[in-house]
Amino acid sequence: MSNVPRMMSSGSEPDARGVNVDEKKRKRMISNRESARRSRMKKQKLLEDLVTEVASLKVQIHNYTNKYEALMQKIVVLESENNALKVQQMELAQYLKNLQLMQTQMELLEFNLMNQPGRTLCDIIVDINEPPKVQSWQCHGSNQPAIMASTEMLNY
């Protein structure tokens, strides 16, 4: 539209239209201001909500960090205990092997005792504990009694 005012046929019409246009313009300005105010309030509320959420998340991060550190300390303690238990397990396994070996040796002694009538277990133990008589032709250290077991005895 052009900026040139139109001529009206009656004198009262231009005033009514001008007032009407000014009233619409004023209402639109008021509406725009109200809309801008609502928009600013909405942005302000959103910003406040985000600030609150950031603070809440920082608290959560702090709490989770503390929990993480406590759990890491527990892990270190548990790993240490686990290692100690593994060492203890190995020691007990070796102890069990030694006991099984002793049991096998005792069974062999009993077997030998049963095959030597007239001898008691005490006689055999005394024979084992006595130092062996070394012959001149034997080397030092080669006089240890050897206990031999048949494969049938070991695989029962």
N, C-alpha and C. Protein backbone atom coordinates (compact mmCIF):
# COMPACT_ATOMS: atom_id res chain seq x y z
N MET A 1 0.83 -1.18 0.00
CA MET A 1 0.00 0.00 0.00
C MET A 1 0.87 1.22 0.00
N SER A 2 0.33 2.27 -0.44
CA SER A 2 1.09 3.52 -0.51
C SER A 2 0.94 4.30 0.78
N ASN A 3 1.87 5.24 0.95
CA ASN A 3 1.84 6.06 2.14
C ASN A 3 0.93 7.27 2.01
N VAL A 4 0.37 7.43 0.85
CA VAL A 4 -0.48 8.59 0.61
C VAL A 4 -1.87 8.32 1.20
N PRO A 5 -2.37 9.21 2.05
CA PRO A 5 -3.69 8.98 2.61
C PRO A 5 -4.77 9.07 1.54
N ARG A 6 -5.74 8.21 1.66
CA ARG A 6 -6.84 8.23 0.70
C ARG A 6 -7.88 9.25 1.12
N MET A 7 -8.47 9.73 0.17
CA MET A 7 -9.53 10.71 0.42
C MET A 7 -10.82 9.97 0.66
N MET A 8 -11.51 10.41 1.62
CA MET A 8 -12.78 9.79 1.95
C MET A 8 -13.93 10.72 1.54
N SER A 9 -15.00 10.07 1.30
CA SER A 9 -16.13 10.86 0.84
C SER A 9 -16.82 11.59 1.97
N SER A 10 -16.84 10.98 3.15
CA SER A 10 -17.49 11.67 4.24
C SER A 10 -16.47 12.06 5.28
N GLY A 11 -16.72 13.06 6.01
CA GLY A 11 -15.77 13.58 6.97
C GLY A 11 -15.68 12.74 8.22
N SER A 12 -16.70 12.02 8.61
CA SER A 12 -16.68 11.26 9.84
C SER A 12 -16.00 9.90 9.67
N GLU A 13 -15.97 9.40 8.46
CA GLU A 13 -15.36 8.09 8.22
C GLU A 13 -13.86 8.07 8.47
N PRO A 14 -13.09 9.02 8.00
CA PRO A 14 -11.66 8.93 8.24
C PRO A 14 -11.34 8.96 9.73
N ASP A 15 -12.05 9.68 10.51
CA ASP A 15 -11.76 9.72 11.94
C ASP A 15 -12.07 8.37 12.58
N ALA A 16 -13.12 7.75 12.19
CA ALA A 16 -13.50 6.46 12.76
C ALA A 16 -12.50 5.39 12.35
N ARG A 17 -12.09 5.46 11.08
CA ARG A 17 -11.10 4.48 10.63
C ARG A 17 -9.76 4.71 11.31
N GLY A 18 -9.36 5.92 11.44
CA GLY A 18 -8.09 6.25 12.10
C GLY A 18 -8.10 5.81 13.54
N VAL A 19 -9.20 6.02 14.20
CA VAL A 19 -9.33 5.59 15.59
C VAL A 19 -9.32 4.07 15.63
N ASN A 20 -10.01 3.47 14.69
CA ASN A 20 -10.07 2.01 14.60
C ASN A 20 -8.67 1.42 14.35
N VAL A 21 -7.93 2.03 13.43
CA VAL A 21 -6.57 1.57 13.12
C VAL A 21 -5.67 1.79 14.33
N ASP A 22 -5.76 2.93 14.96
CA ASP A 22 -4.94 3.21 16.15
C ASP A 22 -5.28 2.24 17.28
N GLU A 23 -6.57 1.95 17.42
CA GLU A 23 -6.99 1.01 18.48
C GLU A 23 -6.43 -0.39 18.20
N LYS A 24 -6.49 -0.85 16.94
CA LYS A 24 -5.94 -2.16 16.57
C LYS A 24 -4.43 -2.19 16.80
N LYS A 25 -3.80 -1.06 16.40
CA LYS A 25 -2.35 -0.98 16.56
C LYS A 25 -1.98 -1.03 18.03
N ARG A 26 -2.73 -0.31 18.84
CA ARG A 26 -2.46 -0.29 20.28
C ARG A 26 -2.70 -1.67 20.90
N LYS A 27 -3.78 -2.34 20.51
CA LYS A 27 -4.06 -3.68 21.02
C LYS A 27 -2.96 -4.66 20.60
N ARG A 28 -2.51 -4.55 19.35
CA ARG A 28 -1.45 -5.42 18.87
C ARG A 28 -0.15 -5.18 19.63
N MET A 29 0.15 -3.92 19.91
CA MET A 29 1.36 -3.60 20.68
C MET A 29 1.25 -4.18 22.09
N ILE A 30 0.08 -4.02 22.70
CA ILE A 30 -0.13 -4.57 24.04
C ILE A 30 0.00 -6.09 24.01
N SER A 31 -0.60 -6.71 23.00
CA SER A 31 -0.52 -8.16 22.85
C SER A 31 0.92 -8.61 22.64
N ASN A 32 1.65 -7.89 21.81
CA ASN A 32 3.06 -8.22 21.57
C ASN A 32 3.89 -8.06 22.83
N ARG A 33 3.63 -7.00 23.58
CA ARG A 33 4.37 -6.80 24.83
C ARG A 33 4.07 -7.92 25.82
N GLU A 34 2.79 -8.30 25.90
CA GLU A 34 2.40 -9.38 26.81
C GLU A 34 3.05 -10.70 26.37
N SER A 35 3.05 -10.94 25.09
CA SER A 35 3.68 -12.16 24.56
C SER A 35 5.18 -12.16 24.85
N ALA A 36 5.82 -11.02 24.65
CA ALA A 36 7.26 -10.90 24.94
C ALA A 36 7.52 -11.11 26.42
N ARG A 37 6.64 -10.55 27.28
CA ARG A 37 6.78 -10.72 28.71
C ARG A 37 6.63 -12.20 29.09
N ARG A 38 5.63 -12.87 28.53
CA ARG A 38 5.46 -14.30 28.79
C ARG A 38 6.68 -15.10 28.31
N SER A 39 7.19 -14.71 27.15
CA SER A 39 8.36 -15.39 26.61
C SER A 39 9.58 -15.20 27.52
N ARG A 40 9.77 -13.99 28.02
CA ARG A 40 10.88 -13.74 28.95
C ARG A 40 10.70 -14.52 30.24
N MET A 41 9.46 -14.56 30.74
CA MET A 41 9.19 -15.32 31.96
C MET A 41 9.43 -16.82 31.74
N LYS A 42 9.02 -17.29 30.57
CA LYS A 42 9.23 -18.70 30.24
C LYS A 42 10.72 -19.02 30.17
N LYS A 43 11.49 -18.15 29.53
CA LYS A 43 12.95 -18.33 29.46
C LYS A 43 13.57 -18.27 30.85
N GLN A 44 13.10 -17.33 31.66
CA GLN A 44 13.60 -17.20 33.03
C GLN A 44 13.31 -18.47 33.83
N LYS A 45 12.10 -18.98 33.71
CA LYS A 45 11.73 -20.22 34.41
C LYS A 45 12.58 -21.39 33.92
N LEU A 46 12.78 -21.48 32.61
CA LEU A 46 13.61 -22.54 32.04
C LEU A 46 15.04 -22.44 32.56
N LEU A 47 15.57 -21.23 32.61
CA LEU A 47 16.92 -21.01 33.11
C LEU A 47 17.02 -21.41 34.58
N GLU A 48 16.04 -21.02 35.38
CA GLU A 48 16.03 -21.40 36.80
C GLU A 48 15.96 -22.91 36.96
N ASP A 49 15.11 -23.56 36.15
CA ASP A 49 15.00 -25.01 36.20
C ASP A 49 16.33 -25.68 35.83
N LEU A 50 16.99 -25.14 34.83
CA LEU A 50 18.29 -25.70 34.41
C LEU A 50 19.35 -25.50 35.49
N VAL A 51 19.35 -24.36 36.12
CA VAL A 51 20.31 -24.10 37.20
C VAL A 51 20.06 -25.06 38.35
N THR A 52 18.79 -25.28 38.68
CA THR A 52 18.43 -26.22 39.75
C THR A 52 18.87 -27.63 39.37
N GLU A 53 18.64 -28.01 38.12
CA GLU A 53 19.04 -29.35 37.66
C GLU A 53 20.55 -29.51 37.70
N VAL A 54 21.29 -28.49 37.30
CA VAL A 54 22.76 -28.55 37.35
C VAL A 54 23.22 -28.75 38.79
N ALA A 55 22.63 -28.02 39.72
CA ALA A 55 23.01 -28.16 41.14
C ALA A 55 22.69 -29.57 41.64
N SER A 56 21.53 -30.07 41.25
CA SER A 56 21.15 -31.43 41.65
C SER A 56 22.11 -32.46 41.06
N LEU A 57 22.48 -32.29 39.82
CA LEU A 57 23.41 -33.23 39.18
C LEU A 57 24.80 -33.16 39.81
N LYS A 58 25.21 -31.97 40.21
CA LYS A 58 26.51 -31.85 40.89
C LYS A 58 26.50 -32.61 42.21
N VAL A 59 25.38 -32.52 42.93
CA VAL A 59 25.25 -33.26 44.19
C VAL A 59 25.29 -34.76 43.92
N GLN A 60 24.59 -35.20 42.89
CA GLN A 60 24.60 -36.62 42.53
C GLN A 60 26.00 -37.08 42.15
N ILE A 61 26.71 -36.28 41.37
CA ILE A 61 28.08 -36.62 40.98
C ILE A 61 28.95 -36.76 42.22
N HIS A 62 28.80 -35.84 43.16
CA HIS A 62 29.59 -35.90 44.39
C HIS A 62 29.27 -37.18 45.17
N ASN A 63 27.98 -37.50 45.28
CA ASN A 63 27.57 -38.71 46.01
C ASN A 63 28.09 -39.97 45.31
N TYR A 64 27.95 -40.02 43.99
CA TYR A 64 28.42 -41.18 43.25
C TYR A 64 29.95 -41.30 43.31
N THR A 65 30.63 -40.18 43.33
CA THR A 65 32.08 -40.21 43.45
C THR A 65 32.48 -40.81 44.80
N ASN A 66 31.80 -40.40 45.86
CA ASN A 66 32.08 -40.95 47.19
C ASN A 66 31.79 -42.45 47.23
N LYS A 67 30.66 -42.85 46.64
CA LYS A 67 30.32 -44.28 46.61
C LYS A 67 31.36 -45.05 45.81
N TYR A 68 31.79 -44.49 44.68
CA TYR A 68 32.80 -45.13 43.83
C TYR A 68 34.10 -45.33 44.61
N GLU A 69 34.52 -44.30 45.31
CA GLU A 69 35.77 -44.40 46.07
C GLU A 69 35.65 -45.44 47.18
N ALA A 70 34.49 -45.48 47.85
CA ALA A 70 34.28 -46.48 48.90
C ALA A 70 34.30 -47.88 48.31
N LEU A 71 33.66 -48.05 47.16
CA LEU A 71 33.66 -49.37 46.51
C LEU A 71 35.06 -49.76 46.05
N MET A 72 35.82 -48.81 45.56
CA MET A 72 37.19 -49.11 45.13
C MET A 72 38.04 -49.55 46.33
N GLN A 73 37.84 -48.91 47.48
CA GLN A 73 38.56 -49.33 48.68
C GLN A 73 38.15 -50.74 49.09
N LYS A 74 36.86 -51.05 48.98
CA LYS A 74 36.39 -52.40 49.30
C LYS A 74 37.00 -53.41 48.34
N ILE A 75 37.10 -53.04 47.08
CA ILE A 75 37.70 -53.94 46.09
C ILE A 75 39.14 -54.24 46.46
N VAL A 76 39.89 -53.22 46.86
CA VAL A 76 41.29 -53.42 47.24
C VAL A 76 41.37 -54.38 48.43
N VAL A 77 40.51 -54.16 49.42
CA VAL A 77 40.50 -55.03 50.61
C VAL A 77 40.13 -56.46 50.21
N LEU A 78 39.09 -56.60 49.39
CA LEU A 78 38.65 -57.94 48.99
C LEU A 78 39.70 -58.65 48.13
N GLU A 79 40.38 -57.91 47.26
CA GLU A 79 41.45 -58.52 46.47
C GLU A 79 42.59 -58.99 47.37
N SER A 80 42.90 -58.19 48.38
CA SER A 80 43.94 -58.58 49.32
C SER A 80 43.54 -59.84 50.08
N GLU A 81 42.29 -59.86 50.56
CA GLU A 81 41.80 -61.05 51.26
C GLU A 81 41.77 -62.26 50.34
N ASN A 82 41.38 -62.04 49.10
CA ASN A 82 41.34 -63.13 48.12
C ASN A 82 42.74 -63.70 47.89
N ASN A 83 43.72 -62.82 47.77
CA ASN A 83 45.10 -63.29 47.58
C ASN A 83 45.58 -64.08 48.79
N ALA A 84 45.24 -63.60 49.98
CA ALA A 84 45.63 -64.32 51.20
C ALA A 84 44.96 -65.69 51.24
N LEU A 85 43.70 -65.75 50.84
CA LEU A 85 43.00 -67.03 50.82
C LEU A 85 43.58 -67.98 49.78
N LYS A 86 44.01 -67.45 48.65
CA LYS A 86 44.65 -68.29 47.63
C LYS A 86 45.95 -68.88 48.16
N VAL A 87 46.73 -68.07 48.86
CA VAL A 87 47.97 -68.57 49.45
C VAL A 87 47.64 -69.65 50.48
N GLN A 88 46.64 -69.39 51.31
CA GLN A 88 46.24 -70.37 52.31
C GLN A 88 45.75 -71.66 51.64
N GLN A 89 45.02 -71.52 50.55
CA GLN A 89 44.54 -72.69 49.82
C GLN A 89 45.72 -73.52 49.30
N MET A 90 46.72 -72.83 48.75
CA MET A 90 47.89 -73.56 48.25
C MET A 90 48.62 -74.26 49.39
N GLU A 91 48.74 -73.59 50.54
CA GLU A 91 49.39 -74.22 51.69
C GLU A 91 48.61 -75.45 52.16
N LEU A 92 47.28 -75.30 52.22
CA LEU A 92 46.46 -76.43 52.65
C LEU A 92 46.49 -77.58 51.63
N ALA A 93 46.57 -77.25 50.36
CA ALA A 93 46.66 -78.29 49.33
C ALA A 93 47.98 -79.06 49.50
N GLN A 94 49.05 -78.33 49.76
CA GLN A 94 50.34 -78.99 49.98
C GLN A 94 50.30 -79.83 51.25
N TYR A 95 49.68 -79.32 52.28
CA TYR A 95 49.54 -80.06 53.54
C TYR A 95 48.75 -81.35 53.29
N LEU A 96 47.68 -81.25 52.51
CA LEU A 96 46.88 -82.43 52.19
C LEU A 96 47.71 -83.45 51.40
N LYS A 97 48.50 -82.99 50.45
CA LYS A 97 49.36 -83.91 49.70
C LYS A 97 50.34 -84.62 50.63
N ASN A 98 50.90 -83.85 51.57
CA ASN A 98 51.83 -84.45 52.52
C ASN A 98 51.12 -85.50 53.39
N LEU A 99 49.90 -85.18 53.82
CA LEU A 99 49.14 -86.15 54.61
C LEU A 99 48.83 -87.40 53.80
N GLN A 100 48.48 -87.22 52.55
CA GLN A 100 48.19 -88.37 51.70
C GLN A 100 49.45 -89.21 51.50
N LEU A 101 50.59 -88.56 51.34
CA LEU A 101 51.85 -89.29 51.21
C LEU A 101 52.16 -90.06 52.48
N MET A 102 51.94 -89.41 53.62
CA MET A 102 52.17 -90.09 54.90
C MET A 102 51.22 -91.29 55.05
N GLN A 103 49.98 -91.11 54.64
CA GLN A 103 49.02 -92.21 54.72
C GLN A 103 49.48 -93.37 53.84
N THR A 104 49.94 -93.06 52.66
CA THR A 104 50.43 -94.11 51.75
C THR A 104 51.63 -94.83 52.37
N GLN A 105 52.53 -94.07 52.96
CA GLN A 105 53.70 -94.68 53.60
C GLN A 105 53.28 -95.56 54.78
N MET A 106 52.31 -95.10 55.54
CA MET A 106 51.83 -95.91 56.66
C MET A 106 51.17 -97.20 56.16
N GLU A 107 50.41 -97.09 55.09
CA GLU A 107 49.80 -98.29 54.53
C GLU A 107 50.86 -99.27 54.03
N LEU A 108 51.94 -98.74 53.45
CA LEU A 108 53.03 -99.61 53.00
C LEU A 108 53.72 -100.27 54.19
N LEU A 109 53.89 -99.51 55.27
CA LEU A 109 54.49 -100.10 56.47
C LEU A 109 53.60 -101.21 57.03
N GLU A 110 52.31 -100.95 57.04
CA GLU A 110 51.39 -101.98 57.52
C GLU A 110 51.44 -103.21 56.61
N PHE A 111 51.51 -102.96 55.32
CA PHE A 111 51.60 -104.06 54.37
C PHE A 111 52.88 -104.87 54.61
N ASN A 112 54.00 -104.18 54.81
CA ASN A 112 55.27 -104.86 55.09
C ASN A 112 55.20 -105.60 56.42
N LEU A 113 54.51 -105.03 57.39
CA LEU A 113 54.38 -105.66 58.70
C LEU A 113 53.59 -106.96 58.59
N MET A 114 52.54 -106.91 57.79
CA MET A 114 51.72 -108.11 57.62
C MET A 114 52.50 -109.20 56.89
N ASN A 115 53.46 -108.81 56.06
CA ASN A 115 54.24 -109.79 55.32
C ASN A 115 55.48 -110.26 56.09
N GLN A 116 55.70 -109.74 57.29
CA GLN A 116 56.83 -110.16 58.12
C GLN A 116 56.28 -110.66 59.45
N PRO A 117 55.94 -111.90 59.53
CA PRO A 117 55.37 -112.41 60.77
C PRO A 117 56.36 -112.30 61.92
N GLY A 118 55.83 -111.99 63.05
CA GLY A 118 56.66 -111.89 64.24
C GLY A 118 57.20 -110.50 64.49
N ARG A 119 57.10 -109.62 63.54
CA ARG A 119 57.58 -108.23 63.75
C ARG A 119 56.38 -107.34 64.00
N THR A 120 56.59 -106.36 64.88
CA THR A 120 55.52 -105.41 65.20
C THR A 120 55.80 -104.10 64.47
N LEU A 121 54.81 -103.23 64.51
CA LEU A 121 54.95 -101.90 63.91
C LEU A 121 56.07 -101.14 64.60
N CYS A 122 56.20 -101.31 65.88
CA CYS A 122 57.27 -100.62 66.63
C CYS A 122 58.64 -101.09 66.15
N ASP A 123 58.79 -102.38 65.85
CA ASP A 123 60.06 -102.89 65.35
C ASP A 123 60.43 -102.22 64.03
N ILE A 124 59.44 -102.09 63.17
CA ILE A 124 59.71 -101.49 61.85
C ILE A 124 60.05 -100.02 62.01
N ILE A 125 59.35 -99.31 62.88
CA ILE A 125 59.63 -97.88 63.11
C ILE A 125 61.03 -97.71 63.68
N VAL A 126 61.42 -98.59 64.60
CA VAL A 126 62.77 -98.52 65.16
C VAL A 126 63.79 -98.74 64.06
N ASP A 127 63.53 -99.70 63.17
CA ASP A 127 64.44 -99.95 62.06
C ASP A 127 64.58 -98.73 61.16
N ILE A 128 63.47 -98.05 60.95
CA ILE A 128 63.51 -96.87 60.08
C ILE A 128 64.28 -95.74 60.76
N ASN A 129 64.10 -95.56 62.06
CA ASN A 129 64.73 -94.46 62.78
C ASN A 129 66.20 -94.70 63.10
N GLU A 130 66.64 -95.94 63.08
CA GLU A 130 68.06 -96.22 63.35
C GLU A 130 68.88 -95.76 62.17
N PRO A 131 70.03 -95.21 62.45
CA PRO A 131 70.90 -94.84 61.33
C PRO A 131 71.36 -96.10 60.62
N PRO A 132 71.34 -96.05 59.31
CA PRO A 132 71.74 -97.24 58.57
C PRO A 132 73.23 -97.52 58.70
N LYS A 133 73.55 -98.76 58.58
CA LYS A 133 74.96 -99.16 58.64
C LYS A 133 75.54 -98.95 57.25
N VAL A 134 76.55 -98.13 57.19
CA VAL A 134 77.15 -97.80 55.91
C VAL A 134 78.28 -98.78 55.63
N GLN A 135 78.23 -99.31 54.47
CA GLN A 135 79.31 -100.19 54.02
C GLN A 135 80.40 -99.31 53.41
N SER A 136 81.59 -99.79 53.40
CA SER A 136 82.70 -99.00 52.92
C SER A 136 82.57 -98.66 51.44
N TRP A 137 81.88 -99.49 50.72
CA TRP A 137 81.74 -99.24 49.29
C TRP A 137 80.60 -98.27 48.96
N GLN A 138 79.76 -97.89 49.94
CA GLN A 138 78.64 -96.99 49.69
C GLN A 138 79.09 -95.53 49.78
N CYS A 139 78.49 -94.72 48.95
CA CYS A 139 78.80 -93.28 48.97
C CYS A 139 77.97 -92.60 50.05
N HIS A 140 78.46 -91.51 50.49
CA HIS A 140 77.74 -90.74 51.50
C HIS A 140 76.41 -90.27 50.92
N GLY A 141 75.35 -90.48 51.66
CA GLY A 141 74.03 -90.00 51.23
C GLY A 141 73.28 -91.02 50.43
N SER A 142 73.91 -92.08 49.99
CA SER A 142 73.17 -93.07 49.20
C SER A 142 72.62 -94.18 50.07
N ASN A 143 72.68 -94.00 51.38
CA ASN A 143 72.23 -95.03 52.29
C ASN A 143 70.82 -94.79 52.81
N GLN A 144 70.07 -93.95 52.15
CA GLN A 144 68.70 -93.67 52.57
C GLN A 144 67.81 -94.85 52.19
N PRO A 145 66.95 -95.29 53.10
CA PRO A 145 66.07 -96.41 52.74
C PRO A 145 65.07 -95.96 51.69
N ALA A 146 64.86 -96.77 50.72
CA ALA A 146 63.92 -96.46 49.66
C ALA A 146 62.64 -97.23 49.93
N ILE A 147 61.55 -96.53 49.91
CA ILE A 147 60.26 -97.17 50.10
C ILE A 147 59.67 -97.32 48.71
N MET A 148 59.44 -98.56 48.33
CA MET A 148 58.88 -98.80 47.01
C MET A 148 57.48 -99.34 47.19
N ALA A 149 56.60 -98.85 46.35
CA ALA A 149 55.22 -99.31 46.41
C ALA A 149 54.86 -99.89 45.08
N SER A 150 54.07 -100.92 45.13
CA SER A 150 53.61 -101.48 43.87
C SER A 150 52.58 -100.54 43.30
N THR A 151 52.42 -100.57 42.00
CA THR A 151 51.44 -99.70 41.37
C THR A 151 50.04 -100.08 41.79
N GLU A 152 49.83 -101.32 42.19
CA GLU A 152 48.52 -101.72 42.67
C GLU A 152 48.16 -101.01 43.97
N MET A 153 49.11 -100.79 44.84
CA MET A 153 48.85 -100.12 46.11
C MET A 153 48.58 -98.64 45.91
N LEU A 154 49.27 -98.01 44.96
CA LEU A 154 49.11 -96.56 44.78
C LEU A 154 47.83 -96.21 44.03
N ASN A 155 47.34 -97.10 43.25
CA ASN A 155 46.18 -96.79 42.40
C ASN A 155 44.88 -97.38 42.93
N TYR A 156 44.70 -97.45 44.19
CA TYR A 156 43.45 -98.00 44.73
C TYR A 156 42.40 -96.95 44.91
